[in-house]
């Protein structure tokens, strides 16, 4: 220990002046200047005496002591106890000081670098912009990862998955093995899984919901299957060949004019359809039930998607289109129906079926509706329909236009 070190320790190193050194350290950590006065309330007699000795003044009465930092700095420099001043003296006594402001800046730079890979991945996918901004703004990733390096690895995996979505239907474990190298990478207990699920809700267009069935629908909307039996599609009178088990089942049901439910598993070998067939597609099961009751085996081929189309419905309809079937779609004339219609008519080779502005006006004029509520949705296949619904203010569900739909089904 040098003489100057010894003098510094005698001046500032005692327990009685520990509070003063700690105040200086806090300022140094914040990057704040060592100027002005620091005060200690309820100081002990020993602490008051130590301040008096440091500054060369008589002890003052009262329980509060104040020290002007510029005076201490000047004292250390003038006395030679520490020529570099107060800041360097406190560091010499108590150890290196972490610059919190600089550290915070470095940490923010590290977080920005972690998110850069996600920003790049969604730059050309505007449908994901708001979702990605939400991940950053809500602090979700920070809470999950805690550390920017961990977050960088997590977000890199996330962007790898996003680049592969949506995908052709496959079990989620098989997808995870193919894309991430581990069949368990998207297990339900993984942090990555929750992030991918949020993106799947956006990409698949599935509305709000809850429960296991809703979660399966969200995954299935981007082609990720939690199982092959929960995703189903309702059909009536599909004229199929009998060369597959599913085809034979549907042929028997067609002869009886009875509806049938097909699971995604049964579509591993999709049934072949008779060429040149028209397949009508509806939104609600009531259309299938009424067609079976009124027309039986005389009804034309009908597929019901049951609301937002699941992976089984999409898989079947794509298979039918590839077999040469002409698909036509009808849904509810409400804003939810417009969202579903945008998905069906946008993703499949289908034409609107009594599902345009003219058909809507005919139905609404006959009072076959209820008040239209909710946020308007732009109709991609017929912009005039959106305006007609907005002006008329009525929602018309498929149940109210069954006669026209059944007439078309009877005609084939």
Protein backbone atom coordinates (compact mmCIF):
# COMPACT_ATOMS: atom_id res chain seq x y z
CA UNK A 1 0.00 0.00 0.00
CA UNK A 2 1.46 3.39 -1.00
CA UNK A 3 1.38 6.38 1.32
CA UNK A 4 -1.34 7.97 -0.84
CA UNK A 5 -3.42 4.80 -0.62
CA UNK A 6 -3.01 4.83 3.14
CA UNK A 7 -4.12 8.47 3.38
CA UNK A 8 -7.10 7.79 1.11
CA UNK A 9 -8.21 4.89 3.29
CA UNK A 10 -7.85 6.97 6.45
CA UNK A 11 -9.88 9.79 4.91
CA UNK A 12 -12.71 7.87 3.24
CA UNK A 13 -12.30 4.19 4.03
CA UNK A 14 -13.82 3.93 7.48
CA UNK A 15 -17.25 2.50 8.19
CA UNK A 16 -18.48 5.89 9.31
CA UNK A 17 -18.08 7.31 5.77
CA UNK A 18 -19.33 4.20 3.97
CA UNK A 19 -22.62 5.97 3.25
CA UNK A 20 -20.76 8.76 1.45
CA UNK A 21 -18.82 6.34 -0.75
CA UNK A 22 -22.03 4.47 -1.54
CA UNK A 23 -23.77 7.71 -2.64
CA UNK A 24 -20.84 8.49 -4.91
CA UNK A 25 -20.93 4.97 -6.41
CA UNK A 26 -24.63 5.29 -7.17
CA UNK A 27 -24.03 8.51 -9.05
CA UNK A 28 -21.17 6.98 -10.98
CA UNK A 29 -23.36 4.01 -11.93
CA UNK A 30 -26.02 6.37 -13.26
CA UNK A 31 -23.47 8.49 -15.08
CA UNK A 32 -24.51 11.48 -12.93
CA UNK A 33 -22.04 14.30 -12.11
CA UNK A 34 -20.37 14.43 -8.68
CA UNK A 35 -21.65 17.87 -7.83
CA UNK A 36 -23.92 19.33 -5.22
CA UNK A 37 -24.64 18.24 -1.68
CA UNK A 38 -25.48 14.81 -0.28
CA UNK A 39 -27.25 14.51 3.05
CA UNK A 40 -27.55 11.75 5.63
CA UNK A 41 -30.52 11.87 7.97
CA UNK A 42 -30.34 10.37 11.45
CA UNK A 43 -26.54 10.24 11.39
CA UNK A 44 -24.82 8.65 14.37
CA UNK A 45 -22.35 10.69 16.47
CA UNK A 46 -19.51 8.66 14.93
CA UNK A 47 -20.68 9.54 11.42
CA UNK A 48 -20.97 13.24 12.29
CA UNK A 49 -17.44 13.18 13.77
CA UNK A 50 -16.05 11.43 10.65
CA UNK A 51 -17.51 14.12 8.36
CA UNK A 52 -16.08 16.84 10.57
CA UNK A 53 -12.61 15.25 10.47
CA UNK A 54 -12.80 14.80 6.69
CA UNK A 55 -13.68 18.42 6.04
CA UNK A 56 -11.60 19.89 8.90
CA UNK A 57 -14.49 21.51 10.71
CA UNK A 58 -16.06 21.29 14.13
CA UNK A 59 -18.83 18.69 14.56
CA UNK A 60 -22.27 20.22 14.19
CA UNK A 61 -25.28 19.64 16.35
CA UNK A 62 -28.28 17.73 14.99
CA UNK A 63 -28.90 14.31 13.50
CA UNK A 64 -28.36 15.36 9.87
CA UNK A 65 -25.01 15.82 8.13
CA UNK A 66 -24.40 17.28 4.69
CA UNK A 67 -21.34 17.03 2.47
CA UNK A 68 -20.63 19.07 -0.63
CA UNK A 69 -19.06 16.68 -3.14
CA UNK A 70 -16.94 19.36 -4.80
CA UNK A 71 -15.29 20.00 -1.41
CA UNK A 72 -14.33 16.34 -1.00
CA UNK A 73 -13.04 16.15 -4.56
CA UNK A 74 -10.86 19.24 -4.04
CA UNK A 75 -9.60 17.88 -0.72
CA UNK A 76 -8.43 14.60 -2.23
CA UNK A 77 -6.66 16.32 -5.10
CA UNK A 78 -5.04 19.04 -2.89
CA UNK A 79 -3.90 16.71 -0.15
CA UNK A 80 -2.42 14.17 -2.52
CA UNK A 81 -4.56 11.45 -0.94
CA UNK A 82 -5.85 10.80 -4.45
CA UNK A 83 -4.75 13.34 -7.08
CA UNK A 84 -7.31 12.02 -9.60
CA UNK A 85 -10.17 13.15 -7.40
CA UNK A 86 -13.26 11.77 -5.73
CA UNK A 87 -14.57 9.50 -8.49
CA UNK A 88 -11.28 7.66 -8.94
CA UNK A 89 -10.76 7.56 -5.18
CA UNK A 90 -14.06 5.80 -4.53
CA UNK A 91 -13.29 3.30 -7.27
CA UNK A 92 -9.88 2.63 -5.71
CA UNK A 93 -11.51 2.00 -2.34
CA UNK A 94 -14.60 0.01 -3.37
CA UNK A 95 -13.79 -1.56 -6.72
CA UNK A 96 -14.85 -0.95 -10.33
CA UNK A 97 -18.17 0.79 -10.90
CA UNK A 98 -20.66 -0.51 -13.45
CA UNK A 99 -21.91 2.30 -15.66
CA UNK A 100 -25.61 1.48 -15.60
CA UNK A 101 -26.49 3.92 -18.36
CA UNK A 102 -23.88 2.45 -20.67
CA UNK A 103 -24.87 -1.08 -19.69
CA UNK A 104 -28.53 -0.30 -20.38
CA UNK A 105 -27.59 1.11 -23.77
CA UNK A 106 -25.57 -2.01 -24.57
CA UNK A 107 -28.43 -4.24 -23.47
CA UNK A 108 -30.92 -2.37 -25.64
CA UNK A 109 -28.55 -2.75 -28.58
CA UNK A 110 -28.37 -6.48 -27.88
CA UNK A 111 -32.19 -6.74 -27.77
CA UNK A 112 -32.44 -4.80 -31.03
CA UNK A 113 -29.99 -7.24 -32.61
CA UNK A 114 -32.06 -10.16 -31.33
CA UNK A 115 -35.23 -8.75 -32.92
CA UNK A 116 -33.48 -7.84 -36.18
CA UNK A 117 -33.85 -11.39 -37.50
CA UNK A 118 -37.62 -11.27 -36.89
CA UNK A 119 -37.94 -7.81 -38.43
CA UNK A 120 -36.19 -9.07 -41.54
CA UNK A 121 -38.38 -12.17 -41.73
CA UNK A 122 -41.68 -10.25 -41.63
CA UNK A 123 -40.57 -7.29 -43.73
CA UNK A 124 -42.22 -8.72 -46.85
CA UNK A 125 -45.21 -10.18 -44.99
CA UNK A 126 -47.44 -7.23 -44.04
CA UNK A 127 -50.03 -9.52 -42.47
CA UNK A 128 -47.49 -10.21 -39.71
CA UNK A 129 -46.34 -6.64 -39.07
CA UNK A 130 -48.79 -5.88 -36.25
CA UNK A 131 -48.17 -9.27 -34.62
CA UNK A 132 -44.39 -8.78 -34.68
CA UNK A 133 -44.74 -5.26 -33.28
CA UNK A 134 -46.87 -6.71 -30.49
CA UNK A 135 -44.15 -9.20 -29.56
CA UNK A 136 -41.74 -6.33 -29.14
CA UNK A 137 -44.13 -3.82 -27.57
CA UNK A 138 -45.71 -6.11 -24.98
CA UNK A 139 -42.38 -7.49 -23.80
CA UNK A 140 -43.50 -11.08 -24.39
CA UNK A 141 -40.15 -12.25 -25.71
CA UNK A 142 -38.26 -10.45 -22.95
CA UNK A 143 -40.34 -12.16 -20.29
CA UNK A 144 -39.81 -15.55 -21.88
CA UNK A 145 -36.12 -15.31 -22.71
CA UNK A 146 -34.84 -12.83 -20.07
CA UNK A 147 -31.53 -12.53 -21.92
CA UNK A 148 -31.04 -11.05 -25.42
CA UNK A 149 -28.72 -13.89 -26.46
CA UNK A 150 -31.36 -16.46 -25.53
CA UNK A 151 -33.97 -14.32 -27.25
CA UNK A 152 -31.87 -14.21 -30.41
CA UNK A 153 -31.77 -18.01 -30.56
CA UNK A 154 -35.53 -18.23 -29.89
CA UNK A 155 -36.41 -15.64 -32.55
CA UNK A 156 -34.12 -17.33 -35.08
CA UNK A 157 -36.06 -20.55 -34.57
CA UNK A 158 -39.32 -18.63 -34.85
CA UNK A 159 -38.36 -17.09 -38.17
CA UNK A 160 -37.33 -20.51 -39.47
CA UNK A 161 -40.82 -21.76 -38.70
CA UNK A 162 -42.52 -18.68 -40.16
CA UNK A 163 -40.68 -19.17 -43.44
CA UNK A 164 -42.32 -22.61 -43.73
CA UNK A 165 -45.89 -21.51 -42.87
CA UNK A 166 -48.49 -22.12 -44.05
CA UNK A 167 -47.60 -25.64 -45.06
CA UNK A 168 -49.36 -28.55 -46.66
CA UNK A 169 -51.10 -30.49 -43.87
CA UNK A 170 -48.79 -32.63 -41.78
CA UNK A 171 -48.50 -33.67 -38.12
CA UNK A 172 -46.85 -30.97 -36.06
CA UNK A 173 -44.16 -33.35 -34.79
CA UNK A 174 -43.18 -34.31 -38.31
CA UNK A 175 -43.09 -30.63 -39.31
CA UNK A 176 -40.92 -29.79 -36.28
CA UNK A 177 -38.50 -32.59 -37.13
CA UNK A 178 -38.29 -31.44 -40.75
CA UNK A 179 -37.91 -27.71 -40.06
CA UNK A 180 -36.19 -27.56 -36.65
CA UNK A 181 -34.48 -30.91 -36.40
CA UNK A 182 -36.46 -32.11 -33.38
CA UNK A 183 -39.91 -33.67 -33.28
CA UNK A 184 -40.42 -32.12 -29.84
CA UNK A 185 -39.45 -28.55 -30.77
CA UNK A 186 -43.12 -27.53 -30.90
CA UNK A 187 -44.36 -29.50 -27.91
CA UNK A 188 -46.94 -27.64 -25.86
CA UNK A 189 -44.49 -26.88 -23.03
CA UNK A 190 -41.96 -25.07 -25.25
CA UNK A 191 -41.65 -21.28 -25.29
CA UNK A 192 -41.32 -21.34 -29.07
CA UNK A 193 -44.69 -23.05 -29.39
CA UNK A 194 -46.59 -20.13 -27.88
CA UNK A 195 -44.93 -17.68 -30.26
CA UNK A 196 -45.68 -19.84 -33.30
CA UNK A 197 -49.28 -20.22 -32.14
CA UNK A 198 -49.71 -16.43 -32.10
CA UNK A 199 -48.40 -16.20 -35.66
CA UNK A 200 -50.65 -19.08 -36.73
CA UNK A 201 -53.72 -17.19 -35.49
CA UNK A 202 -52.80 -14.32 -37.77
CA UNK A 203 -51.80 -16.39 -40.79
CA UNK A 204 -54.79 -18.73 -40.55
CA UNK A 205 -57.35 -16.01 -39.93
CA UNK A 206 -58.98 -17.94 -37.10
CA UNK A 207 -61.03 -15.68 -34.84
CA UNK A 208 -60.96 -15.46 -31.07
CA UNK A 209 -61.84 -18.56 -29.12
CA UNK A 210 -60.78 -20.93 -26.41
CA UNK A 211 -60.51 -24.59 -25.61
CA UNK A 212 -58.65 -27.50 -27.15
CA UNK A 213 -60.81 -27.62 -30.26
CA UNK A 214 -60.18 -23.96 -31.04
CA UNK A 215 -56.44 -24.43 -30.54
CA UNK A 216 -56.44 -27.40 -32.91
CA UNK A 217 -58.26 -25.26 -35.49
CA UNK A 218 -55.62 -22.54 -35.18
CA UNK A 219 -52.80 -25.01 -35.77
CA UNK A 220 -54.68 -26.70 -38.58
CA UNK A 221 -55.33 -23.37 -40.30
CA UNK A 222 -51.62 -23.22 -41.21
CA UNK A 223 -51.33 -26.95 -41.90
CA UNK A 224 -50.03 -28.14 -38.52
CA UNK A 225 -52.04 -31.07 -37.20
CA UNK A 226 -52.19 -31.94 -33.54
CA UNK A 227 -54.04 -35.10 -34.58
CA UNK A 228 -55.72 -36.47 -37.71
CA UNK A 229 -59.07 -37.38 -36.19
CA UNK A 230 -60.29 -34.10 -34.69
CA UNK A 231 -60.33 -32.24 -38.01
CA UNK A 232 -63.45 -33.32 -39.93
CA UNK A 233 -65.64 -32.22 -42.81
CA UNK A 234 -69.36 -32.89 -43.39
CA UNK A 235 -70.45 -34.07 -46.86
CA UNK A 236 -73.53 -35.23 -48.74
CA UNK A 237 -73.81 -37.23 -51.97
CA UNK A 238 -70.25 -37.03 -53.22
CA UNK A 239 -70.17 -39.22 -56.37
CA UNK A 240 -66.93 -41.03 -55.61
CA UNK A 241 -65.17 -44.07 -56.97
CA UNK A 242 -65.07 -47.19 -54.81
CA UNK A 243 -61.33 -47.79 -55.07
CA UNK A 244 -60.50 -46.49 -51.56
CA UNK A 245 -62.10 -47.24 -48.18
CA UNK A 246 -63.32 -43.64 -47.92
CA UNK A 247 -64.65 -43.74 -51.47
CA UNK A 248 -66.63 -46.92 -50.73
CA UNK A 249 -68.04 -45.39 -47.55
CA UNK A 250 -69.15 -42.25 -49.37
CA UNK A 251 -70.67 -44.26 -52.23
CA UNK A 252 -72.86 -46.22 -49.81
CA UNK A 253 -73.95 -43.00 -48.08
CA UNK A 254 -74.73 -41.45 -51.47
CA UNK A 255 -77.03 -44.34 -52.35
CA UNK A 256 -78.94 -43.72 -49.12
CA UNK A 257 -78.89 -39.91 -49.46
CA UNK A 258 -77.33 -39.65 -46.01
CA UNK A 259 -74.67 -37.17 -44.83
CA UNK A 260 -71.26 -38.40 -43.76
CA UNK A 261 -68.34 -37.06 -41.75
CA UNK A 262 -64.81 -37.50 -43.11
CA UNK A 263 -61.76 -37.22 -40.88
CA UNK A 264 -58.45 -35.86 -42.03
CA UNK A 265 -56.98 -39.33 -41.54
CA UNK A 266 -59.44 -40.71 -44.10
CA UNK A 267 -58.19 -38.13 -46.58
CA UNK A 268 -54.68 -39.58 -46.63
CA UNK A 269 -56.06 -41.38 -49.68
CA UNK A 270 -58.65 -38.86 -50.87
CA UNK A 271 -61.66 -40.30 -52.70
CA UNK A 272 -61.69 -39.81 -56.46
CA UNK A 273 -64.61 -37.84 -57.82
CA UNK A 274 -66.50 -38.34 -61.05
CA UNK A 275 -65.18 -35.91 -63.66
CA UNK A 276 -67.24 -32.84 -64.52
CA UNK A 277 -69.12 -32.82 -61.22
CA UNK A 278 -70.33 -29.61 -59.57
CA UNK A 279 -69.74 -29.57 -55.81
CA UNK A 280 -71.64 -27.00 -53.81
CA UNK A 281 -70.02 -25.74 -50.60
CA UNK A 282 -71.98 -24.22 -47.71
CA UNK A 283 -71.07 -22.70 -44.38
CA UNK A 284 -73.69 -24.21 -42.05
CA UNK A 285 -74.71 -27.84 -41.32
CA UNK A 286 -78.42 -26.93 -41.51
CA UNK A 287 -78.10 -26.80 -45.31
CA UNK A 288 -76.83 -30.39 -45.36
CA UNK A 289 -79.56 -31.57 -42.99
CA UNK A 290 -82.34 -29.94 -45.04
CA UNK A 291 -80.92 -31.25 -48.31
CA UNK A 292 -80.82 -34.78 -46.88
CA UNK A 293 -84.36 -34.49 -45.49
CA UNK A 294 -85.99 -32.93 -48.55
CA UNK A 295 -83.96 -34.31 -51.44
CA UNK A 296 -82.11 -37.36 -50.15
CA UNK A 297 -80.12 -39.10 -52.86
CA UNK A 298 -81.47 -36.62 -55.44
CA UNK A 299 -79.46 -33.74 -53.98
CA UNK A 300 -76.32 -32.61 -55.74
CA UNK A 301 -72.90 -33.03 -54.17
CA UNK A 302 -72.53 -30.83 -51.09
CA UNK A 303 -69.67 -30.09 -48.68
CA UNK A 304 -70.16 -28.13 -45.43
CA UNK A 305 -67.15 -26.33 -43.96
CA UNK A 306 -68.91 -25.58 -40.65
CA UNK A 307 -67.65 -22.01 -40.29
CA UNK A 308 -63.99 -21.13 -40.67
CA UNK A 309 -62.71 -24.02 -42.83
CA UNK A 310 -60.51 -26.51 -41.06
CA UNK A 311 -57.69 -28.47 -42.60
CA UNK A 312 -59.91 -31.46 -43.42
CA UNK A 313 -62.32 -29.24 -45.39
CA UNK A 314 -59.50 -27.48 -47.23
CA UNK A 315 -57.78 -30.79 -47.99
CA UNK A 316 -60.97 -32.37 -49.37
CA UNK A 317 -61.95 -29.36 -51.46
CA UNK A 318 -58.50 -29.07 -52.98
CA UNK A 319 -58.58 -32.75 -53.83
CA UNK A 320 -62.00 -32.37 -55.46
CA UNK A 321 -60.80 -29.38 -57.49
CA UNK A 322 -57.78 -31.37 -58.67
CA UNK A 323 -60.20 -34.10 -59.84
CA UNK A 324 -61.88 -31.50 -62.02
CA UNK A 325 -64.87 -30.64 -59.83
CA UNK A 326 -66.39 -27.17 -60.21
CA UNK A 327 -66.66 -25.69 -56.72
CA UNK A 328 -69.23 -23.04 -55.79
CA UNK A 329 -69.56 -21.48 -52.34
CA UNK A 330 -72.33 -19.91 -50.29
CA UNK A 331 -72.15 -18.54 -46.75
CA UNK A 332 -73.91 -16.21 -44.34
CA UNK A 333 -74.37 -12.60 -45.36
CA UNK A 334 -72.79 -11.12 -42.26
CA UNK A 335 -69.32 -9.81 -41.52
CA UNK A 336 -68.16 -13.16 -40.19
CA UNK A 337 -69.43 -14.74 -43.40
CA UNK A 338 -67.42 -12.24 -45.41
CA UNK A 339 -64.25 -13.22 -43.56
CA UNK A 340 -64.91 -16.90 -44.21
CA UNK A 341 -65.80 -16.22 -47.83
CA UNK A 342 -62.54 -14.37 -48.34
CA UNK A 343 -60.68 -17.45 -47.11
CA UNK A 344 -62.64 -20.02 -49.13
CA UNK A 345 -62.87 -18.07 -52.39
CA UNK A 346 -59.33 -16.78 -51.98
CA UNK A 347 -57.61 -20.08 -51.24
CA UNK A 348 -59.64 -22.45 -53.42
CA UNK A 349 -60.69 -22.60 -57.04
CA UNK A 350 -64.29 -21.79 -56.16
CA UNK A 351 -66.94 -19.43 -57.52
CA UNK A 352 -69.58 -17.61 -55.44
CA UNK A 353 -72.92 -19.41 -55.28
CA UNK A 354 -75.87 -17.05 -54.73
CA UNK A 355 -73.28 -15.07 -52.79
CA UNK A 356 -73.06 -11.65 -54.37
CA UNK A 357 -74.64 -8.21 -54.05
CA UNK A 358 -77.64 -9.09 -56.23
CA UNK A 359 -78.46 -12.23 -54.23
CA UNK A 360 -78.05 -10.32 -50.98
CA UNK A 361 -80.42 -7.54 -52.04
CA UNK A 362 -83.10 -10.05 -53.05
CA UNK A 363 -82.88 -11.78 -49.69
CA UNK A 364 -82.75 -8.59 -47.63
CA UNK A 365 -85.73 -7.04 -49.49
CA UNK A 366 -87.87 -9.99 -48.46
CA UNK A 367 -87.09 -9.30 -44.79
CA UNK A 368 -85.10 -12.48 -44.35
CA UNK A 369 -82.55 -11.00 -42.05
CA UNK A 370 -81.54 -9.66 -38.66
CA UNK A 371 -79.70 -6.45 -37.74
CA UNK A 372 -76.12 -6.47 -39.05
CA UNK A 373 -73.59 -5.93 -36.27
CA UNK A 374 -69.82 -5.95 -35.91
CA UNK A 375 -66.93 -4.45 -37.81
CA UNK A 376 -67.41 -4.32 -41.61
CA UNK A 377 -65.25 -6.64 -43.69
CA UNK A 378 -64.27 -5.95 -47.28
CA UNK A 379 -65.60 -8.62 -49.64
CA UNK A 380 -62.72 -9.59 -51.93
CA UNK A 381 -64.82 -11.31 -54.62
CA UNK A 382 -67.54 -8.63 -54.89
CA UNK A 383 -66.76 -5.16 -53.46
CA UNK A 384 -70.33 -4.09 -54.23
CA UNK A 385 -71.58 -6.65 -51.71
CA UNK A 386 -69.79 -4.93 -48.83
CA UNK A 387 -71.40 -1.59 -49.64
CA UNK A 388 -74.84 -3.17 -50.10
CA UNK A 389 -74.61 -4.81 -46.67
CA UNK A 390 -73.38 -1.62 -45.05
CA UNK A 391 -76.24 0.42 -46.51
CA UNK A 392 -78.99 -2.14 -45.90
CA UNK A 393 -77.78 -3.06 -42.42
CA UNK A 394 -79.22 -6.58 -42.43
CA UNK A 395 -77.52 -9.93 -41.95
CA UNK A 396 -79.00 -12.86 -43.90
CA UNK A 397 -78.08 -16.34 -42.75
CA UNK A 398 -78.19 -19.47 -44.89
CA UNK A 399 -81.21 -20.78 -42.98
CA UNK A 400 -83.28 -17.95 -44.51
CA UNK A 401 -82.38 -18.73 -48.12
CA UNK A 402 -82.63 -22.53 -48.01
CA UNK A 403 -85.31 -22.80 -50.72
CA UNK A 404 -83.06 -21.24 -53.35
CA UNK A 405 -80.05 -23.31 -52.30
CA UNK A 406 -82.04 -26.55 -52.32
CA UNK A 407 -83.48 -25.75 -55.71
CA UNK A 408 -79.97 -25.47 -57.09
CA UNK A 409 -78.95 -28.71 -55.36
CA UNK A 410 -81.96 -30.52 -56.82
CA UNK A 411 -81.04 -29.31 -60.27
CA UNK A 412 -77.54 -30.69 -59.71
